[in-house]
């Protein structure tokens, strides 16, 4: 399955605190399933990042992709991502 995000609107909404930032991104996506054609769906994600030190930060994200353009909790594809970033 290929997913192409089209015309997504990403807004870096700024800082919650001096060391905490967040973002929200939503928009249409083209989903191409081999042999089934292309469908237009909705997708989005929201995340937060926290700078622990100058070299260490942590982040988390929640994302979604509709199925059949339906926001039903039984068919909505939801994902999460979390991590630690070390810069040297």
C-alpha atoms as a PDB file:
ATOM      1  CA  UNK A   1       0.000   0.000   0.000  1.00  0.00           C
ATOM      2  CA  UNK A   2       1.308   3.446  -0.908  1.00  0.00           C
ATOM      3  CA  UNK A   3       0.116   6.559   0.902  1.00  0.00           C
ATOM      4  CA  UNK A   4       0.684  10.011  -0.581  1.00  0.00           C
ATOM      5  CA  UNK A   5      -0.108  13.026   1.571  1.00  0.00           C
ATOM      6  CA  UNK A   6      -1.455  15.866  -0.540  1.00  0.00           C
ATOM      7  CA  UNK A   7      -1.785  19.477   0.455  1.00  0.00           C
ATOM      8  CA  UNK A   8      -1.312  18.736   4.101  1.00  0.00           C
ATOM      9  CA  UNK A   9      -1.432  21.778   6.282  1.00  0.00           C
ATOM     10  CA  UNK A  10       1.260  21.706   8.926  1.00  0.00           C
ATOM     11  CA  UNK A  11       1.230  24.248  11.689  1.00  0.00           C
ATOM     12  CA  UNK A  12       4.012  24.438  14.195  1.00  0.00           C
ATOM     13  CA  UNK A  13       1.828  25.884  16.876  1.00  0.00           C
ATOM     14  CA  UNK A  14       4.684  27.008  19.055  1.00  0.00           C
ATOM     15  CA  UNK A  15       5.866  26.425  22.550  1.00  0.00           C
ATOM     16  CA  UNK A  16       3.855  25.237  25.520  1.00  0.00           C
ATOM     17  CA  UNK A  17       6.723  26.209  27.790  1.00  0.00           C
ATOM     18  CA  UNK A  18      10.316  27.336  27.327  1.00  0.00           C
ATOM     19  CA  UNK A  19      11.504  23.793  26.534  1.00  0.00           C
ATOM     20  CA  UNK A  20       8.270  22.221  25.176  1.00  0.00           C
ATOM     21  CA  UNK A  21       7.033  22.534  21.572  1.00  0.00           C
ATOM     22  CA  UNK A  22       4.127  20.952  19.695  1.00  0.00           C
ATOM     23  CA  UNK A  23       2.665  20.650  16.194  1.00  0.00           C
ATOM     24  CA  UNK A  24      -0.500  19.544  14.374  1.00  0.00           C
ATOM     25  CA  UNK A  25      -0.730  18.382  10.756  1.00  0.00           C
ATOM     26  CA  UNK A  26      -3.943  17.398   8.909  1.00  0.00           C
ATOM     27  CA  UNK A  27      -5.038  16.963   5.311  1.00  0.00           C
ATOM     28  CA  UNK A  28      -6.099  14.638   2.518  1.00  0.00           C
ATOM     29  CA  UNK A  29      -4.074  11.550   1.541  1.00  0.00           C
ATOM     30  CA  UNK A  30      -4.171   9.392  -1.571  1.00  0.00           C
ATOM     31  CA  UNK A  31      -4.024   5.689  -0.708  1.00  0.00           C
ATOM     32  CA  UNK A  32      -3.070   3.333  -3.540  1.00  0.00           C
ATOM     33  CA  UNK A  33      -3.644  -0.357  -2.766  1.00  0.00           C
ATOM     34  CA  UNK A  34      -2.136  -2.658  -5.404  1.00  0.00           C
ATOM     35  CA  UNK A  35      -4.887  -3.915  -7.689  1.00  0.00           C
ATOM     36  CA  UNK A  36      -7.631  -1.880  -6.001  1.00  0.00           C
ATOM     37  CA  UNK A  37      -7.001   1.632  -7.324  1.00  0.00           C
ATOM     38  CA  UNK A  38      -6.609   4.924  -5.511  1.00  0.00           C
ATOM     39  CA  UNK A  39      -8.789   6.310  -2.728  1.00  0.00           C
ATOM     40  CA  UNK A  40      -8.859   9.701  -1.053  1.00  0.00           C
ATOM     41  CA  UNK A  41      -8.633   9.527   2.748  1.00  0.00           C
ATOM     42  CA  UNK A  42      -7.968  11.908   5.619  1.00  0.00           C
ATOM     43  CA  UNK A  43      -4.837  11.791   7.747  1.00  0.00           C
ATOM     44  CA  UNK A  44      -3.267  13.773  10.513  1.00  0.00           C
ATOM     45  CA  UNK A  45      -0.822  13.784  13.354  1.00  0.00           C
ATOM     46  CA  UNK A  46      -0.015  15.741  16.480  1.00  0.00           C
ATOM     47  CA  UNK A  47       3.162  15.664  18.471  1.00  0.00           C
ATOM     48  CA  UNK A  48       5.058  17.173  21.325  1.00  0.00           C
ATOM     49  CA  UNK A  49       8.778  17.477  22.015  1.00  0.00           C
ATOM     50  CA  UNK A  50      10.533  18.274  25.279  1.00  0.00           C
ATOM     51  CA  UNK A  51      14.112  19.515  25.446  1.00  0.00           C
ATOM     52  CA  UNK A  52      15.573  17.907  28.550  1.00  0.00           C
ATOM     53  CA  UNK A  53      19.077  19.374  28.108  1.00  0.00           C
ATOM     54  CA  UNK A  54      20.915  21.064  25.226  1.00  0.00           C
ATOM     55  CA  UNK A  55      21.826  17.610  23.890  1.00  0.00           C
ATOM     56  CA  UNK A  56      18.872  15.443  24.962  1.00  0.00           C
ATOM     57  CA  UNK A  57      15.209  15.685  23.945  1.00  0.00           C
ATOM     58  CA  UNK A  58      12.205  13.347  24.012  1.00  0.00           C
ATOM     59  CA  UNK A  59       9.196  13.343  21.706  1.00  0.00           C
ATOM     60  CA  UNK A  60       5.840  11.667  21.175  1.00  0.00           C
ATOM     61  CA  UNK A  61       3.339  11.617  18.322  1.00  0.00           C
ATOM     62  CA  UNK A  62      -0.158  10.290  17.611  1.00  0.00           C
ATOM     63  CA  UNK A  63      -1.290   9.851  13.991  1.00  0.00           C
ATOM     64  CA  UNK A  64      -4.407   8.655  12.151  1.00  0.00           C
ATOM     65  CA  UNK A  65      -5.516   7.596   8.668  1.00  0.00           C
ATOM     66  CA  UNK A  66      -9.178   7.048   7.829  1.00  0.00           C
ATOM     67  CA  UNK A  67     -10.562   4.038   5.994  1.00  0.00           C
ATOM     68  CA  UNK A  68     -13.489   4.802   3.693  1.00  0.00           C
ATOM     69  CA  UNK A  69     -13.290   8.450   4.835  1.00  0.00           C
ATOM     70  CA  UNK A  70     -14.892   7.288   8.071  1.00  0.00           C
ATOM     71  CA  UNK A  71     -13.793   8.411  11.531  1.00  0.00           C
ATOM     72  CA  UNK A  72     -15.399   5.359  13.164  1.00  0.00           C
ATOM     73  CA  UNK A  73     -13.276   4.089  16.068  1.00  0.00           C
ATOM     74  CA  UNK A  74     -13.545   0.500  14.767  1.00  0.00           C
ATOM     75  CA  UNK A  75     -11.940   1.287  11.373  1.00  0.00           C
ATOM     76  CA  UNK A  76      -9.766   4.327  12.098  1.00  0.00           C
ATOM     77  CA  UNK A  77      -6.058   3.511  11.737  1.00  0.00           C
ATOM     78  CA  UNK A  78      -4.177   5.050  14.670  1.00  0.00           C
ATOM     79  CA  UNK A  79      -0.448   4.990  15.337  1.00  0.00           C
ATOM     80  CA  UNK A  80       1.893   6.262  18.008  1.00  0.00           C
ATOM     81  CA  UNK A  81       5.565   7.111  18.025  1.00  0.00           C
ATOM     82  CA  UNK A  82       7.885   8.011  20.904  1.00  0.00           C
ATOM     83  CA  UNK A  83      11.601   8.457  21.125  1.00  0.00           C
ATOM     84  CA  UNK A  84      14.692  10.035  22.545  1.00  0.00           C
ATOM     85  CA  UNK A  85      17.050  12.204  20.507  1.00  0.00           C
ATOM     86  CA  UNK A  86      20.668  12.819  21.466  1.00  0.00           C
ATOM     87  CA  UNK A  87      22.598  15.517  19.615  1.00  0.00           C
ATOM     88  CA  UNK A  88      26.373  15.664  19.719  1.00  0.00           C
END
